[in-house]
Structures are given as structure tokens and as C-alpha cells.
Amino acid sequence: MKRREWMQKGGAAAVAALADVYVKKPYWPETRLDCAFQLSVITDEITQDFAHALEVASKEFGLAYVELRGLWNKNIVALDEKEVTDARKLLAQLDLKVTDIASPLFKVDWPGAPISKYSPKGSSYGANYSFAQQDEVLERAIAMANAFQTKKVRMFDFWRLENDKPYRDAMDSKLCDAAEKAAKKDIVLLLENEYECNTATAPEAARTLSQVTAKNFFLNWDPANAAKLGDKAFPEGYALLPKNRIGHMHLKDVKRNADGTFDWECMGRGIIGYEAQFRAMMRDGYRGTMSLETHWNGAGNMEESSRQSMAGTKVLLRKAGALK
């Protein structure tokens, strides 16, 4: 699909213009949390029914924030003008703010490199864009950030290679280029350490941050993604990270199987020491956004699994002194 056709289909200009006319309806549930962090949930981890996901997030979980990735079985960067308008109205009705746009930016194979074993044959979270389309993906993500009144866009470091060294300098250059383009639009990029991508572990995250030094380039710290590859995410991994470069956090847990492999687990039932992690982040001055990214589906469906994982998250936050 040509660039102009793809952008027009998404209505990026119209979507961005909507930010000028956004009016929120005052609404504060009595159960809204008093948390040291800006606690959130990725809505499609509850359900693709966006209205219902927001009801659960606000009225059951007591949240003031949500993270947007998939709505109505469409990736956030693929929403059209009407869908954006509808989504904004639903958010306004519950006075929910958006932490960040969980875009699929750079979840692609690096050109000229071997195809990654993690590269999906179809779409991933409703996204199936080529490397050549990544500039448009960035533009769309920025348009969505403007429409949903957030400055943050989540991104990745390309599908994981067995050996990324021959391509590493070029990859870093591409990340720097994206940060430069985003900075011109006053947008912060959040690089998620994703176990299926080249920046996955804490040491890899520290390395990438040392090479991409743009002031608007931060880490989306995900301890479970690091642990999924056997990394000791906390305290060893966290100790390696520049604390002033953490711009967002994802919360999910993992368990180690008898054969040494790892599976997702309910928050608080896995191997990651989140209570101590939360204490460390408060000690280090972090008061920013963090989102439950359930992934675990052990309760039979995603809504109930997210409900149990949010309950586990709150227990950990309270033990850490971060939640009243």
C-alpha cells in the first residue's frame, strides 16, 4: 500500500486535529486508587470491547489511567477518525487518561538479516506492517498520541536475531533517527525490553540506552520480559539501568518450569520480586506510569485473569507502601 493511501485511510491529519477539541466529562469513581505511581492497565488485556474494558479499569480497578494498544480488534495505529472519536468519548465519560500509545513500531525483521524465529507469520496484536512502512507507523503513533493527549509512544528494537552484532550500528542509527523525528513533534519514545526483540534483557537495555542518548528516548522497563530469557531482572538487572531513563513500566509475572522454560503467571505468584522492585523505584524517585500487561490466561479468560492479576498487583503495591 502506498504511503499516501495508507495515511489517508487512517486519517492521521484528521485524528491529530481532534486534539484541539477534546472536552472531558468530570467523573471520579469513589473507588479511585491512591497510589504512588500512575497505575494503569492495557485495555486489550481485559477485552477488545473497549467500553467494557474501560468500565472494568475505572469502576472495578479504580484506575485513573489506561494504556492503548488494541481496540475493537484493531491496532491503535489503524483506528479511523470515527473510532478515535468514539474512543475519546468513552474515555471522557470515565475521566480516564492515557499513559501512552502502545504502538508496534519496529516490531519487524531487520532488512538484510536472517528472518527471526520470533517473526510472526501473520499479524501481531493486529499489526502487520513492513519495514518500509515504519516511518508511517511512527507518524500514525504520533497522531494517536496527540489525539489521546499523551506524549509517550511505546516502541521496540526489531525481531530478535541470534547475532545482531553485524547490524547493531545500523539498528542504533535507526532508533536515533526515530527519536529525532519524534522530538520534533514533542513526543517521548519508550523502548520496551521485549523478549522477542533485540533489546530484551536488562544488560541489553542498558547498552541500547548508552548508544541512543536522545533526551526523549526512555525505557519501558518490563522485568517479566527480561526474566523470560533467564535474566535476573531484579535486583541484578534493575541495578544496571540508568534510573533517570525509565519512562514507563509493564507489570506481569513469570514462573519457571521444571524443564527450565518460563511461562506467564498471575502477578504475585511468579518469580519476580515486585514488592522489592516497587520499593526500589520509590527509593530512586520514580513516580511515573506503569501498566498491568496481564498476558497470563490461567483464570480461563483474559478479563478474569486481568482481574486476579490486578488484585495481586495491589497486594504487592500495598506491601511496598506504594498504595494506601
C-alpha atoms as a PDB file:
ATOM      1  CA  MET A   1       0.000   0.000   0.000  1.00  0.00           C
ATOM      2  CA  LYS A   2       1.382   3.421  -0.964  1.00  0.00           C
ATOM      3  CA  ARG A   3       2.280   5.875   1.748  1.00  0.00           C
ATOM      4  CA  ARG A   4      -0.382   8.443   0.832  1.00  0.00           C
ATOM      5  CA  GLU A   5      -3.109   5.809   0.579  1.00  0.00           C
ATOM      6  CA  TRP A   6      -2.137   4.243   3.908  1.00  0.00           C
ATOM      7  CA  MET A   7      -2.049   7.578   5.718  1.00  0.00           C
ATOM      8  CA  GLN A   8      -5.314   8.784   4.180  1.00  0.00           C
ATOM      9  CA  LYS A   9      -7.044   5.548   5.123  1.00  0.00           C
ATOM     10  CA  GLY A  10      -6.029   6.092   8.742  1.00  0.00           C
ATOM     11  CA  GLY A  11      -6.962   9.768   8.618  1.00  0.00           C
ATOM     12  CA  ALA A  12      -3.866  10.869  10.538  1.00  0.00           C
ATOM     13  CA  ALA A  13      -4.367  14.568   9.892  1.00  0.00           C
ATOM     14  CA  ALA A  14      -7.972  14.449  10.987  1.00  0.00           C
ATOM     15  CA  VAL A  15      -7.084  12.384  14.028  1.00  0.00           C
ATOM     16  CA  ALA A  16      -4.389  14.824  15.103  1.00  0.00           C
ATOM     17  CA  ALA A  17      -6.753  17.756  14.689  1.00  0.00           C
ATOM     18  CA  LEU A  18      -9.181  16.203  17.149  1.00  0.00           C
ATOM     19  CA  ALA A  19      -6.811  17.009  19.997  1.00  0.00           C
ATOM     20  CA  ASP A  20      -7.848  20.658  19.750  1.00  0.00           C
ATOM     21  CA  VAL A  21     -11.491  19.964  20.548  1.00  0.00           C
ATOM     22  CA  TYR A  22     -11.186  17.384  23.306  1.00  0.00           C
ATOM     23  CA  VAL A  23     -13.529  18.098  26.238  1.00  0.00           C
ATOM     24  CA  LYS A  24     -13.633  15.756  29.212  1.00  0.00           C
ATOM     25  CA  LYS A  25     -16.685  14.998  31.297  1.00  0.00           C
ATOM     26  CA  PRO A  26     -15.903  15.158  35.026  1.00  0.00           C
ATOM     27  CA  TYR A  27     -16.261  11.750  36.646  1.00  0.00           C
ATOM     28  CA  TRP A  28     -14.360  10.276  39.572  1.00  0.00           C
ATOM     29  CA  PRO A  29     -15.382   6.865  40.917  1.00  0.00           C
ATOM     30  CA  GLU A  30     -15.403   6.629  44.688  1.00  0.00           C
ATOM     31  CA  THR A  31     -13.000   3.684  44.414  1.00  0.00           C
ATOM     32  CA  ARG A  32     -10.204   5.554  42.596  1.00  0.00           C
ATOM     33  CA  LEU A  33      -6.833   4.432  43.936  1.00  0.00           C
ATOM     34  CA  ASP A  34      -4.367   6.455  45.977  1.00  0.00           C
ATOM     35  CA  CYS A  35      -1.099   5.140  44.524  1.00  0.00           C
ATOM     36  CA  ALA A  36       2.446   6.480  44.463  1.00  0.00           C
ATOM     37  CA  PHE A  37       2.627   5.514  40.801  1.00  0.00           C
ATOM     38  CA  GLN A  38       0.280   6.299  37.923  1.00  0.00           C
ATOM     39  CA  LEU A  39      -1.145   2.783  37.785  1.00  0.00           C
ATOM     40  CA  SER A  40      -2.757   1.662  34.540  1.00  0.00           C
ATOM     41  CA  VAL A  41      -3.826  -1.389  32.555  1.00  0.00           C
ATOM     42  CA  ILE A  42      -3.515  -2.192  28.862  1.00  0.00           C
ATOM     43  CA  THR A  43      -7.179  -2.310  27.905  1.00  0.00           C
ATOM     44  CA  ASP A  44      -6.998  -5.198  25.443  1.00  0.00           C
ATOM     45  CA  GLU A  45      -5.560  -7.399  28.185  1.00  0.00           C
ATOM     46  CA  ILE A  46      -9.100  -7.232  29.617  1.00  0.00           C
ATOM     47  CA  THR A  47     -11.129  -7.375  26.402  1.00  0.00           C
ATOM     48  CA  GLN A  48     -11.254  -5.934  22.893  1.00  0.00           C
ATOM     49  CA  ASP A  49     -14.633  -4.454  23.852  1.00  0.00           C
ATOM     50  CA  PHE A  50     -13.209  -1.036  24.632  1.00  0.00           C
ATOM     51  CA  ALA A  51     -16.212   0.334  26.513  1.00  0.00           C
ATOM     52  CA  HIS A  52     -16.319  -2.703  28.796  1.00  0.00           C
ATOM     53  CA  ALA A  53     -12.548  -2.640  29.323  1.00  0.00           C
ATOM     54  CA  LEU A  54     -12.791   0.971  30.473  1.00  0.00           C
ATOM     55  CA  GLU A  55     -15.660   0.155  32.831  1.00  0.00           C
ATOM     56  CA  VAL A  56     -13.564  -2.589  34.440  1.00  0.00           C
ATOM     57  CA  ALA A  57     -10.459  -0.395  34.606  1.00  0.00           C
ATOM     58  CA  SER A  58     -12.255   2.544  36.178  1.00  0.00           C
ATOM     59  CA  LYS A  59     -15.089   1.141  38.265  1.00  0.00           C
ATOM     60  CA  GLU A  60     -13.607  -2.206  39.338  1.00  0.00           C
ATOM     61  CA  PHE A  61      -9.875  -1.492  39.389  1.00  0.00           C
ATOM     62  CA  GLY A  62     -10.237   2.147  40.473  1.00  0.00           C
ATOM     63  CA  LEU A  63      -7.727   3.360  37.888  1.00  0.00           C
ATOM     64  CA  ALA A  64      -7.307   6.854  36.505  1.00  0.00           C
ATOM     65  CA  TYR A  65      -5.154   5.714  33.575  1.00  0.00           C
ATOM     66  CA  VAL A  66      -5.191   3.172  30.751  1.00  0.00           C
ATOM     67  CA  GLU A  67      -2.710   2.176  28.055  1.00  0.00           C
ATOM     68  CA  LEU A  68      -3.957   1.754  24.484  1.00  0.00           C
ATOM     69  CA  ARG A  69      -2.803  -1.000  22.122  1.00  0.00           C
ATOM     70  CA  GLY A  70      -5.827  -2.783  20.614  1.00  0.00           C
ATOM     71  CA  LEU A  71      -9.420  -1.566  20.447  1.00  0.00           C
ATOM     72  CA  TRP A  72     -12.292  -3.425  18.791  1.00  0.00           C
ATOM     73  CA  ASN A  73      -9.825  -5.916  17.274  1.00  0.00           C
ATOM     74  CA  LYS A  74      -7.825  -3.145  15.595  1.00  0.00           C
ATOM     75  CA  ASN A  75      -4.335  -1.961  16.408  1.00  0.00           C
ATOM     76  CA  ILE A  76      -4.189   1.545  17.853  1.00  0.00           C
ATOM     77  CA  VAL A  77      -2.349   2.930  14.802  1.00  0.00           C
ATOM     78  CA  ALA A  78      -5.049   1.561  12.465  1.00  0.00           C
ATOM     79  CA  LEU A  79      -8.027   3.357  14.025  1.00  0.00           C
ATOM     80  CA  ASP A  80     -10.002   5.638  11.740  1.00  0.00           C
ATOM     81  CA  GLU A  81     -11.347   9.067  12.616  1.00  0.00           C
ATOM     82  CA  LYS A  82     -14.737   7.828  13.834  1.00  0.00           C
ATOM     83  CA  GLU A  83     -13.184   5.138  16.012  1.00  0.00           C
ATOM     84  CA  VAL A  84     -10.846   7.681  17.579  1.00  0.00           C
ATOM     85  CA  THR A  85     -13.765  10.000  18.274  1.00  0.00           C
ATOM     86  CA  ASP A  86     -15.761   7.159  19.845  1.00  0.00           C
ATOM     87  CA  ALA A  87     -12.796   6.048  21.952  1.00  0.00           C
ATOM     88  CA  ARG A  88     -12.188   9.575  23.221  1.00  0.00           C
ATOM     89  CA  LYS A  89     -15.814   9.947  24.237  1.00  0.00           C
ATOM     90  CA  LEU A  90     -15.683   6.699  26.200  1.00  0.00           C
ATOM     91  CA  LEU A  91     -12.508   7.798  27.969  1.00  0.00           C
ATOM     92  CA  ALA A  92     -14.033  11.175  28.783  1.00  0.00           C
ATOM     93  CA  GLN A  93     -17.146   9.614  30.294  1.00  0.00           C
ATOM     94  CA  LEU A  94     -14.974   7.924  32.921  1.00  0.00           C
ATOM     95  CA  ASP A  95     -12.360  10.675  33.118  1.00  0.00           C
ATOM     96  CA  LEU A  96      -9.620   8.220  32.187  1.00  0.00           C
ATOM     97  CA  LYS A  97      -6.271   9.463  30.940  1.00  0.00           C
ATOM     98  CA  VAL A  98      -3.947   7.604  28.552  1.00  0.00           C
ATOM     99  CA  THR A  99      -0.455   6.748  29.767  1.00  0.00           C
ATOM    100  CA  ASP A 100       0.990   6.012  26.336  1.00  0.00           C
ATOM    101  CA  ILE A 101       0.303   4.685  22.859  1.00  0.00           C
ATOM    102  CA  ALA A 102       1.463   1.051  22.767  1.00  0.00           C
ATOM    103  CA  SER A 103       2.439   1.135  19.120  1.00  0.00           C
ATOM    104  CA  PRO A 104       4.009  -1.727  17.130  1.00  0.00           C
ATOM    105  CA  LEU A 105       6.866   0.497  15.936  1.00  0.00           C
ATOM    106  CA  PHE A 106       9.895  -1.563  14.822  1.00  0.00           C
ATOM    107  CA  LYS A 107       8.345  -4.946  15.576  1.00  0.00           C
ATOM    108  CA  VAL A 108       9.697  -6.016  12.204  1.00  0.00           C
ATOM    109  CA  ASP A 109      12.619  -8.004  10.833  1.00  0.00           C
ATOM    110  CA  TRP A 110      15.774  -6.028  10.134  1.00  0.00           C
ATOM    111  CA  PRO A 111      16.299  -5.849   6.331  1.00  0.00           C
ATOM    112  CA  GLY A 112      19.172  -7.988   5.076  1.00  0.00           C
ATOM    113  CA  ALA A 113      19.369 -10.008   8.300  1.00  0.00           C
ATOM    114  CA  PRO A 114      18.135 -13.604   8.725  1.00  0.00           C
ATOM    115  CA  ILE A 115      14.432 -13.898   9.475  1.00  0.00           C
ATOM    116  CA  SER A 116      13.986 -14.038  13.228  1.00  0.00           C
ATOM    117  CA  LYS A 117      12.473 -17.142  14.783  1.00  0.00           C
ATOM    118  CA  TYR A 118      10.169 -14.739  16.611  1.00  0.00           C
ATOM    119  CA  SER A 119       8.917 -13.091  13.446  1.00  0.00           C
ATOM    120  CA  PRO A 120       5.174 -13.853  13.205  1.00  0.00           C
ATOM    121  CA  LYS A 121       3.737 -15.328  10.030  1.00  0.00           C
ATOM    122  CA  GLY A 122       0.652 -13.176  10.414  1.00  0.00           C
ATOM    123  CA  SER A 123      -0.214 -10.097  12.418  1.00  0.00           C
ATOM    124  CA  SER A 124       0.945  -9.342  15.956  1.00  0.00           C
ATOM    125  CA  TYR A 125      -1.647  -7.553  18.082  1.00  0.00           C
ATOM    126  CA  GLY A 126      -3.437  -6.510  14.925  1.00  0.00           C
ATOM    127  CA  ALA A 127      -0.310  -5.086  13.263  1.00  0.00           C
ATOM    128  CA  ASN A 128       1.358  -6.464  10.160  1.00  0.00           C
ATOM    129  CA  TYR A 129       3.425  -3.621   8.722  1.00  0.00           C
ATOM    130  CA  SER A 130       6.610  -3.944   6.681  1.00  0.00           C
ATOM    131  CA  PHE A 131       9.950  -2.329   7.445  1.00  0.00           C
ATOM    132  CA  ALA A 132       9.270   0.141   4.639  1.00  0.00           C
ATOM    133  CA  GLN A 133       6.107   1.267   6.429  1.00  0.00           C
ATOM    134  CA  GLN A 134       7.754   2.034   9.758  1.00  0.00           C
ATOM    135  CA  ASP A 135       8.021   5.782   9.114  1.00  0.00           C
ATOM    136  CA  GLU A 136       4.250   5.802   8.570  1.00  0.00           C
ATOM    137  CA  VAL A 137       3.744   3.711  11.702  1.00  0.00           C
ATOM    138  CA  LEU A 138       5.681   6.345  13.650  1.00  0.00           C
ATOM    139  CA  GLU A 139       3.608   9.135  12.106  1.00  0.00           C
ATOM    140  CA  ARG A 140       0.389   7.332  12.959  1.00  0.00           C
ATOM    141  CA  ALA A 141       1.543   6.636  16.514  1.00  0.00           C
ATOM    142  CA  ILE A 142       2.389  10.317  16.982  1.00  0.00           C
ATOM    143  CA  ALA A 143      -1.024  11.277  15.607  1.00  0.00           C
ATOM    144  CA  MET A 144      -2.660   8.922  18.094  1.00  0.00           C
ATOM    145  CA  ALA A 145      -0.584  10.321  20.953  1.00  0.00           C
ATOM    146  CA  ASN A 146      -1.790  13.813  20.065  1.00  0.00           C
ATOM    147  CA  ALA A 147      -5.405  12.664  19.740  1.00  0.00           C
ATOM    148  CA  PHE A 148      -5.365  10.878  23.104  1.00  0.00           C
ATOM    149  CA  GLN A 149      -3.388  13.622  24.857  1.00  0.00           C
ATOM    150  CA  THR A 150      -0.245  11.745  25.804  1.00  0.00           C
ATOM    151  CA  LYS A 151       3.378  12.468  24.953  1.00  0.00           C
ATOM    152  CA  LYS A 152       4.515   8.832  25.109  1.00  0.00           C
ATOM    153  CA  VAL A 153       4.778   6.233  22.319  1.00  0.00           C
ATOM    154  CA  ARG A 154       5.980   2.677  23.016  1.00  0.00           C
ATOM    155  CA  MET A 155       8.336   1.017  20.505  1.00  0.00           C
ATOM    156  CA  PHE A 156      10.693  -1.975  20.027  1.00  0.00           C
ATOM    157  CA  ASP A 157      14.146  -2.986  18.788  1.00  0.00           C
ATOM    158  CA  PHE A 158      13.276  -5.285  15.834  1.00  0.00           C
ATOM    159  CA  TRP A 159      12.639  -9.033  15.968  1.00  0.00           C
ATOM    160  CA  ARG A 160      15.385 -10.829  17.859  1.00  0.00           C
ATOM    161  CA  LEU A 161      18.366 -12.252  15.976  1.00  0.00           C
ATOM    162  CA  GLU A 162      20.716 -14.995  17.084  1.00  0.00           C
ATOM    163  CA  ASN A 163      23.505 -12.500  16.436  1.00  0.00           C
ATOM    164  CA  ASP A 164      22.635  -8.844  15.948  1.00  0.00           C
ATOM    165  CA  LYS A 165      26.239  -7.559  16.023  1.00  0.00           C
ATOM    166  CA  PRO A 166      26.636  -7.228  12.216  1.00  0.00           C
ATOM    167  CA  TYR A 167      23.560  -4.977  12.144  1.00  0.00           C
ATOM    168  CA  ARG A 168      23.761  -3.316  15.552  1.00  0.00           C
ATOM    169  CA  ASP A 169      25.229   0.013  14.480  1.00  0.00           C
ATOM    170  CA  ALA A 170      22.614   0.409  11.757  1.00  0.00           C
ATOM    171  CA  MET A 171      19.828  -0.544  14.182  1.00  0.00           C
ATOM    172  CA  ASP A 172      21.036   2.009  16.707  1.00  0.00           C
ATOM    173  CA  SER A 173      21.129   4.615  13.969  1.00  0.00           C
ATOM    174  CA  LYS A 174      17.525   3.832  13.066  1.00  0.00           C
ATOM    175  CA  LEU A 175      16.468   4.187  16.709  1.00  0.00           C
ATOM    176  CA  CYS A 176      18.283   7.524  16.893  1.00  0.00           C
ATOM    177  CA  ASP A 177      16.555   8.668  13.713  1.00  0.00           C
ATOM    178  CA  ALA A 178      13.133   7.761  15.130  1.00  0.00           C
ATOM    179  CA  ALA A 179      13.907   9.641  18.346  1.00  0.00           C
ATOM    180  CA  GLU A 180      14.928  12.705  16.352  1.00  0.00           C
ATOM    181  CA  LYS A 181      11.695  12.644  14.349  1.00  0.00           C
ATOM    182  CA  ALA A 182       9.625  12.174  17.495  1.00  0.00           C
ATOM    183  CA  ALA A 183      11.426  15.025  19.280  1.00  0.00           C
ATOM    184  CA  LYS A 184      10.352  17.434  16.561  1.00  0.00           C
ATOM    185  CA  LYS A 185       6.750  16.574  17.480  1.00  0.00           C
ATOM    186  CA  ASP A 186       7.423  16.807  21.244  1.00  0.00           C
ATOM    187  CA  ILE A 187       6.960  13.045  21.648  1.00  0.00           C
ATOM    188  CA  VAL A 188       8.798  10.710  24.025  1.00  0.00           C
ATOM    189  CA  LEU A 189       9.693   7.233  22.748  1.00  0.00           C
ATOM    190  CA  LEU A 190       9.571   4.306  25.171  1.00  0.00           C
ATOM    191  CA  LEU A 191      11.734   1.352  24.147  1.00  0.00           C
ATOM    192  CA  GLU A 192      10.246  -1.805  25.633  1.00  0.00           C
ATOM    193  CA  ASN A 193      12.677  -4.551  26.532  1.00  0.00           C
ATOM    194  CA  GLU A 194      10.781  -7.318  24.741  1.00  0.00           C
ATOM    195  CA  TYR A 195      11.958 -10.924  24.962  1.00  0.00           C
ATOM    196  CA  GLU A 196      11.230 -11.441  21.256  1.00  0.00           C
ATOM    197  CA  CYS A 197      13.280  -8.395  20.230  1.00  0.00           C
ATOM    198  CA  ASN A 198      16.967  -7.476  20.267  1.00  0.00           C
ATOM    199  CA  THR A 199      16.686  -5.360  23.385  1.00  0.00           C
ATOM    200  CA  ALA A 200      15.214  -7.886  25.806  1.00  0.00           C
ATOM    201  CA  THR A 201      17.319  -8.191  28.960  1.00  0.00           C
ATOM    202  CA  ALA A 202      18.431  -5.508  31.390  1.00  0.00           C
ATOM    203  CA  PRO A 203      22.061  -5.603  30.135  1.00  0.00           C
ATOM    204  CA  GLU A 204      20.796  -5.179  26.573  1.00  0.00           C
ATOM    205  CA  ALA A 205      18.548  -2.316  27.644  1.00  0.00           C
ATOM    206  CA  ALA A 206      21.448  -0.582  29.384  1.00  0.00           C
ATOM    207  CA  ARG A 207      23.567  -0.991  26.246  1.00  0.00           C
ATOM    208  CA  THR A 208      20.899   0.418  23.918  1.00  0.00           C
ATOM    209  CA  LEU A 209      20.274   3.401  26.179  1.00  0.00           C
ATOM    210  CA  SER A 210      24.003   4.102  26.219  1.00  0.00           C
ATOM    211  CA  GLN A 211      24.020   4.278  22.415  1.00  0.00           C
ATOM    212  CA  VAL A 212      20.739   6.115  21.876  1.00  0.00           C
ATOM    213  CA  THR A 213      21.187   9.130  24.105  1.00  0.00           C
ATOM    214  CA  ALA A 214      18.363  11.368  22.846  1.00  0.00           C
ATOM    215  CA  LYS A 215      16.634  13.240  25.662  1.00  0.00           C
ATOM    216  CA  ASN A 216      13.243  11.933  24.507  1.00  0.00           C
ATOM    217  CA  PHE A 217      14.323   8.267  24.388  1.00  0.00           C
ATOM    218  CA  PHE A 218      13.413   6.264  27.506  1.00  0.00           C
ATOM    219  CA  LEU A 219      12.995   2.657  28.609  1.00  0.00           C
ATOM    220  CA  ASN A 220       9.689   0.858  29.077  1.00  0.00           C
ATOM    221  CA  TRP A 221      11.045  -1.430  31.819  1.00  0.00           C
ATOM    222  CA  ASP A 222       9.449  -4.888  31.750  1.00  0.00           C
ATOM    223  CA  PRO A 223      11.010  -7.219  34.347  1.00  0.00           C
ATOM    224  CA  ALA A 224       8.998 -10.227  33.141  1.00  0.00           C
ATOM    225  CA  ASN A 225      10.198  -9.913  29.559  1.00  0.00           C
ATOM    226  CA  ALA A 226      13.768  -9.899  30.828  1.00  0.00           C
ATOM    227  CA  ALA A 227      13.100 -12.877  33.113  1.00  0.00           C
ATOM    228  CA  LYS A 228      11.538 -14.844  30.256  1.00  0.00           C
ATOM    229  CA  LEU A 229      15.033 -15.119  28.779  1.00  0.00           C
ATOM    230  CA  GLY A 230      16.556 -16.142  32.102  1.00  0.00           C
ATOM    231  CA  ASP A 231      17.723 -12.653  33.061  1.00  0.00           C
ATOM    232  CA  LYS A 232      17.692 -11.905  36.788  1.00  0.00           C
ATOM    233  CA  ALA A 233      15.505  -8.859  36.340  1.00  0.00           C
ATOM    234  CA  PHE A 234      15.554  -7.752  39.975  1.00  0.00           C
ATOM    235  CA  PRO A 235      17.666  -6.794  41.713  1.00  0.00           C
ATOM    236  CA  GLU A 236      20.600  -7.576  39.419  1.00  0.00           C
ATOM    237  CA  GLY A 237      19.053  -6.388  36.166  1.00  0.00           C
ATOM    238  CA  TYR A 238      17.419  -3.298  37.584  1.00  0.00           C
ATOM    239  CA  ALA A 239      20.746  -2.259  39.139  1.00  0.00           C
ATOM    240  CA  LEU A 240      22.223  -1.915  35.639  1.00  0.00           C
ATOM    241  CA  LEU A 241      19.574   0.509  34.404  1.00  0.00           C
ATOM    242  CA  PRO A 242      20.008   4.295  34.404  1.00  0.00           C
ATOM    243  CA  LYS A 243      17.107   5.184  36.684  1.00  0.00           C
ATOM    244  CA  ASN A 244      16.554   8.587  35.075  1.00  0.00           C
ATOM    245  CA  ARG A 245      15.913   6.852  31.731  1.00  0.00           C
ATOM    246  CA  ILE A 246      12.950   4.744  32.896  1.00  0.00           C
ATOM    247  CA  GLY A 247       9.849   6.338  31.394  1.00  0.00           C
ATOM    248  CA  HIS A 248       7.216   3.624  31.850  1.00  0.00           C
ATOM    249  CA  MET A 249       6.879   0.114  33.260  1.00  0.00           C
ATOM    250  CA  HIS A 250       4.939  -3.035  32.375  1.00  0.00           C
ATOM    251  CA  LEU A 251       3.707  -5.388  35.076  1.00  0.00           C
ATOM    252  CA  LYS A 252       3.323  -9.110  34.508  1.00  0.00           C
ATOM    253  CA  ASP A 253       4.827 -12.138  36.205  1.00  0.00           C
ATOM    254  CA  VAL A 254       6.504 -15.365  35.103  1.00  0.00           C
ATOM    255  CA  LYS A 255       7.069 -18.816  36.530  1.00  0.00           C
ATOM    256  CA  ARG A 256       9.978 -21.159  35.892  1.00  0.00           C
ATOM    257  CA  ASN A 257       9.017 -24.641  34.769  1.00  0.00           C
ATOM    258  CA  ALA A 258      10.806 -27.832  35.758  1.00  0.00           C
ATOM    259  CA  ASP A 259      12.470 -28.015  32.321  1.00  0.00           C
ATOM    260  CA  GLY A 260      13.926 -24.526  32.708  1.00  0.00           C
ATOM    261  CA  THR A 261      11.473 -22.780  30.421  1.00  0.00           C
ATOM    262  CA  PHE A 262       9.278 -19.892  31.518  1.00  0.00           C
ATOM    263  CA  ASP A 263       5.547 -19.197  31.308  1.00  0.00           C
ATOM    264  CA  TRP A 264       3.437 -16.192  32.236  1.00  0.00           C
ATOM    265  CA  GLU A 265       1.968 -16.169  35.724  1.00  0.00           C
ATOM    266  CA  CYS A 266      -0.508 -14.139  37.767  1.00  0.00           C
ATOM    267  CA  MET A 267       1.029 -11.065  39.383  1.00  0.00           C
ATOM    268  CA  GLY A 268       2.383 -12.009  42.787  1.00  0.00           C
ATOM    269  CA  ARG A 269       2.527 -15.753  42.111  1.00  0.00           C
ATOM    270  CA  GLY A 270       5.673 -15.758  39.987  1.00  0.00           C
ATOM    271  CA  ILE A 271       9.397 -15.400  40.489  1.00  0.00           C
ATOM    272  CA  ILE A 272       9.827 -11.635  40.182  1.00  0.00           C
ATOM    273  CA  GLY A 273      10.250  -9.730  43.424  1.00  0.00           C
ATOM    274  CA  TYR A 274       7.828  -6.952  42.606  1.00  0.00           C
ATOM    275  CA  GLU A 275       7.418  -5.794  46.194  1.00  0.00           C
ATOM    276  CA  ALA A 276      11.122  -5.039  46.415  1.00  0.00           C
ATOM    277  CA  GLN A 277      11.085  -3.672  42.857  1.00  0.00           C
ATOM    278  CA  PHE A 278       8.369  -1.184  43.787  1.00  0.00           C
ATOM    279  CA  ARG A 279      10.274  -0.164  46.923  1.00  0.00           C
ATOM    280  CA  ALA A 280      13.404   0.391  44.840  1.00  0.00           C
ATOM    281  CA  MET A 281      11.577   2.536  42.325  1.00  0.00           C
ATOM    282  CA  MET A 282      10.132   4.729  45.062  1.00  0.00           C
ATOM    283  CA  ARG A 283      13.581   4.985  46.635  1.00  0.00           C
ATOM    284  CA  ASP A 284      15.004   6.061  43.277  1.00  0.00           C
ATOM    285  CA  GLY A 285      12.358   8.738  42.826  1.00  0.00           C
ATOM    286  CA  TYR A 286      10.145   7.123  40.197  1.00  0.00           C
ATOM    287  CA  ARG A 287       6.537   8.323  40.360  1.00  0.00           C
ATOM    288  CA  GLY A 288       5.566   7.771  36.740  1.00  0.00           C
ATOM    289  CA  THR A 289       3.293   5.461  34.773  1.00  0.00           C
ATOM    290  CA  MET A 290       3.128   1.673  34.950  1.00  0.00           C
ATOM    291  CA  SER A 291       0.621  -0.670  33.303  1.00  0.00           C
ATOM    292  CA  LEU A 292      -0.618  -4.153  34.039  1.00  0.00           C
ATOM    293  CA  GLU A 293       0.064  -6.242  30.929  1.00  0.00           C
ATOM    294  CA  THR A 294      -1.542  -9.455  32.163  1.00  0.00           C
ATOM    295  CA  HIS A 295      -0.523 -11.973  29.437  1.00  0.00           C
ATOM    296  CA  TRP A 296      -1.301 -14.822  31.860  1.00  0.00           C
ATOM    297  CA  ASN A 297      -4.589 -16.524  30.984  1.00  0.00           C
ATOM    298  CA  GLY A 298      -4.763 -19.054  33.802  1.00  0.00           C
ATOM    299  CA  ALA A 299      -8.165 -17.910  35.074  1.00  0.00           C
ATOM    300  CA  GLY A 300      -9.937 -19.129  31.937  1.00  0.00           C
ATOM    301  CA  ASN A 301     -10.323 -15.813  30.123  1.00  0.00           C
ATOM    302  CA  MET A 302      -8.410 -12.551  29.894  1.00  0.00           C
ATOM    303  CA  GLU A 303     -10.896 -10.473  31.882  1.00  0.00           C
ATOM    304  CA  GLU A 304     -10.822 -12.733  34.928  1.00  0.00           C
ATOM    305  CA  SER A 305      -7.071 -13.265  34.561  1.00  0.00           C
ATOM    306  CA  SER A 306      -6.562  -9.490  34.499  1.00  0.00           C
ATOM    307  CA  ARG A 307      -8.884  -9.123  37.490  1.00  0.00           C
ATOM    308  CA  GLN A 308      -6.783 -11.575  39.512  1.00  0.00           C
ATOM    309  CA  SER A 309      -3.519 -10.042  38.301  1.00  0.00           C
ATOM    310  CA  MET A 310      -4.680  -6.546  39.251  1.00  0.00           C
ATOM    311  CA  ALA A 311      -5.631  -7.850  42.705  1.00  0.00           C
ATOM    312  CA  GLY A 312      -2.151  -9.351  43.019  1.00  0.00           C
ATOM    313  CA  THR A 313      -0.593  -6.088  41.863  1.00  0.00           C
ATOM    314  CA  LYS A 314      -2.461  -4.125  44.527  1.00  0.00           C
ATOM    315  CA  VAL A 315      -1.311  -6.527  47.255  1.00  0.00           C
ATOM    316  CA  LEU A 316       2.308  -6.040  46.171  1.00  0.00           C
ATOM    317  CA  LEU A 317       1.945  -2.265  45.973  1.00  0.00           C
ATOM    318  CA  ARG A 318       0.437  -2.130  49.451  1.00  0.00           C
ATOM    319  CA  LYS A 319       3.214  -4.266  50.904  1.00  0.00           C
ATOM    320  CA  ALA A 320       5.721  -1.926  49.290  1.00  0.00           C
ATOM    321  CA  GLY A 321       3.993   1.111  50.779  1.00  0.00           C
ATOM    322  CA  ALA A 322       3.052   2.473  47.357  1.00  0.00           C
ATOM    323  CA  LEU A 323      -0.722   2.037  47.692  1.00  0.00           C
ATOM    324  CA  LYS A 324      -2.965   3.144  50.540  1.00  0.00           C
END
